[in-house]
């Protein structure tokens, strides 16, 4: 069975191409930890992700 990129819902590794979030966002764990430890609102986390 061939694979394709899924843009409509949950991805399944056996039928969809998967891209690692950590390779595209190497500081993701730090951003999440910062947001959890400081109670940063969603919009502020998005601004930090945009800066990465």
N, C-alpha and C. Protein backbone atom coordinates (compact mmCIF):
# COMPACT_ATOMS: atom_id res chain seq x y z
N UNK A 1 0.85 -1.18 0.00
CA UNK A 1 0.00 0.00 0.00
C UNK A 1 0.89 1.24 0.00
N UNK A 2 0.57 2.19 -0.83
CA UNK A 2 1.37 3.41 -0.88
C UNK A 2 0.96 4.36 0.24
N UNK A 3 1.88 5.23 0.60
CA UNK A 3 1.62 6.21 1.66
C UNK A 3 1.34 7.57 1.05
N UNK A 4 0.72 8.44 1.84
CA UNK A 4 0.46 9.80 1.42
C UNK A 4 0.47 10.71 2.63
N UNK A 5 0.56 12.03 2.40
CA UNK A 5 0.49 13.00 3.49
C UNK A 5 -0.96 13.22 3.86
N UNK A 6 -1.26 13.10 5.12
CA UNK A 6 -2.62 13.28 5.62
C UNK A 6 -2.76 14.71 6.14
N UNK A 7 -3.75 15.43 5.65
CA UNK A 7 -3.99 16.79 6.13
C UNK A 7 -5.37 16.94 6.74
N UNK A 8 -6.11 15.85 6.86
CA UNK A 8 -7.50 15.93 7.28
C UNK A 8 -7.79 15.40 8.67
N UNK A 9 -6.84 14.75 9.31
CA UNK A 9 -7.15 14.19 10.63
C UNK A 9 -5.95 13.48 11.22
N UNK A 10 -6.19 12.57 12.16
CA UNK A 10 -5.10 11.85 12.83
C UNK A 10 -4.26 11.05 11.83
N UNK A 11 -2.95 11.07 12.03
CA UNK A 11 -2.04 10.34 11.15
C UNK A 11 -1.81 8.93 11.67
N UNK A 12 -1.64 8.02 10.75
CA UNK A 12 -1.32 6.63 11.06
C UNK A 12 -0.03 6.30 10.33
N UNK A 13 0.99 5.92 11.09
CA UNK A 13 2.33 5.73 10.53
C UNK A 13 2.39 4.69 9.42
N UNK A 14 1.49 3.71 9.44
CA UNK A 14 1.55 2.67 8.42
C UNK A 14 1.00 3.12 7.07
N UNK A 15 0.19 4.19 7.01
CA UNK A 15 -0.36 4.64 5.73
C UNK A 15 -0.05 6.09 5.39
N UNK A 16 0.47 6.85 6.37
CA UNK A 16 0.77 8.26 6.13
C UNK A 16 2.26 8.53 6.32
N UNK A 17 2.78 9.47 5.54
CA UNK A 17 4.13 9.94 5.79
C UNK A 17 4.12 10.72 7.10
N UNK A 18 5.15 10.54 7.90
CA UNK A 18 5.23 11.20 9.20
C UNK A 18 6.48 12.07 9.24
N UNK A 19 6.35 13.29 9.75
CA UNK A 19 7.49 14.19 9.93
C UNK A 19 7.70 14.39 11.41
N UNK A 20 8.92 14.27 11.84
CA UNK A 20 9.24 14.43 13.26
C UNK A 20 9.14 15.90 13.66
N UNK A 21 8.37 16.17 14.70
CA UNK A 21 8.25 17.54 15.20
C UNK A 21 9.55 18.02 15.83
N UNK A 22 10.30 17.10 16.43
CA UNK A 22 11.54 17.51 17.09
C UNK A 22 12.62 17.92 16.09
N UNK A 23 12.60 17.36 14.89
CA UNK A 23 13.60 17.78 13.91
C UNK A 23 13.26 19.14 13.32
N UNK A 24 11.96 19.47 13.26
CA UNK A 24 11.54 20.77 12.73
C UNK A 24 11.54 21.85 13.80
N UNK A 25 11.35 21.44 15.07
CA UNK A 25 11.31 22.39 16.19
C UNK A 25 12.23 21.88 17.29
N UNK A 26 13.53 22.06 17.13
CA UNK A 26 14.48 21.48 18.08
C UNK A 26 14.32 22.00 19.51
N UNK A 27 13.76 23.19 19.70
CA UNK A 27 13.59 23.74 21.05
C UNK A 27 12.18 23.52 21.59
N UNK A 28 11.42 22.64 20.98
CA UNK A 28 10.02 22.45 21.36
C UNK A 28 9.87 22.06 22.83
N UNK A 29 10.69 21.14 23.31
CA UNK A 29 10.59 20.72 24.71
C UNK A 29 10.84 21.89 25.65
N UNK A 30 11.78 22.76 25.32
CA UNK A 30 12.06 23.93 26.16
C UNK A 30 10.88 24.90 26.16
N UNK A 31 10.27 25.11 25.01
CA UNK A 31 9.12 26.01 24.92
C UNK A 31 7.96 25.47 25.73
N UNK A 32 7.70 24.18 25.63
CA UNK A 32 6.61 23.57 26.41
C UNK A 32 6.90 23.66 27.89
N UNK A 33 8.13 23.35 28.29
CA UNK A 33 8.50 23.43 29.71
C UNK A 33 8.33 24.86 30.24
N UNK A 34 8.74 25.84 29.46
CA UNK A 34 8.61 27.23 29.85
C UNK A 34 7.14 27.60 30.01
N UNK A 35 6.32 27.18 29.06
CA UNK A 35 4.89 27.49 29.11
C UNK A 35 4.24 26.85 30.33
N UNK A 36 4.61 25.62 30.62
CA UNK A 36 4.02 24.93 31.78
C UNK A 36 4.48 25.52 33.10
N UNK A 37 5.74 25.94 33.16
CA UNK A 37 6.27 26.45 34.42
C UNK A 37 5.84 27.88 34.72
N UNK A 38 5.51 28.65 33.69
CA UNK A 38 5.17 30.05 33.91
C UNK A 38 3.70 30.36 33.66
N UNK A 39 2.94 29.37 33.19
CA UNK A 39 1.53 29.60 32.90
C UNK A 39 1.32 30.52 31.71
N UNK A 40 2.22 30.47 30.75
CA UNK A 40 2.15 31.33 29.57
C UNK A 40 0.90 30.98 28.77
N UNK A 41 0.20 32.00 28.30
CA UNK A 41 -0.98 31.76 27.50
C UNK A 41 -0.61 31.27 26.11
N UNK A 42 -1.56 30.67 25.45
CA UNK A 42 -1.37 30.06 24.13
C UNK A 42 -0.75 31.03 23.12
N UNK A 43 -1.21 32.27 23.08
CA UNK A 43 -0.69 33.21 22.08
C UNK A 43 0.79 33.51 22.30
N UNK A 44 1.23 33.55 23.53
CA UNK A 44 2.64 33.81 23.80
C UNK A 44 3.50 32.63 23.37
N UNK A 45 3.02 31.41 23.55
CA UNK A 45 3.76 30.22 23.12
C UNK A 45 3.89 30.24 21.60
N UNK A 46 2.83 30.63 20.90
CA UNK A 46 2.90 30.71 19.44
C UNK A 46 3.94 31.71 18.99
N UNK A 47 4.07 32.82 19.68
CA UNK A 47 5.07 33.81 19.30
C UNK A 47 6.47 33.22 19.47
N UNK A 48 6.69 32.45 20.54
CA UNK A 48 7.99 31.84 20.75
C UNK A 48 8.29 30.80 19.69
N UNK A 49 7.28 30.01 19.31
CA UNK A 49 7.47 29.00 18.27
C UNK A 49 7.80 29.65 16.94
N UNK A 50 7.16 30.79 16.65
CA UNK A 50 7.44 31.51 15.40
C UNK A 50 8.88 31.99 15.35
N UNK A 51 9.44 32.29 16.50
CA UNK A 51 10.80 32.82 16.57
C UNK A 51 11.86 31.73 16.37
N UNK A 52 11.48 30.47 16.53
CA UNK A 52 12.44 29.38 16.43
C UNK A 52 12.82 29.13 14.99
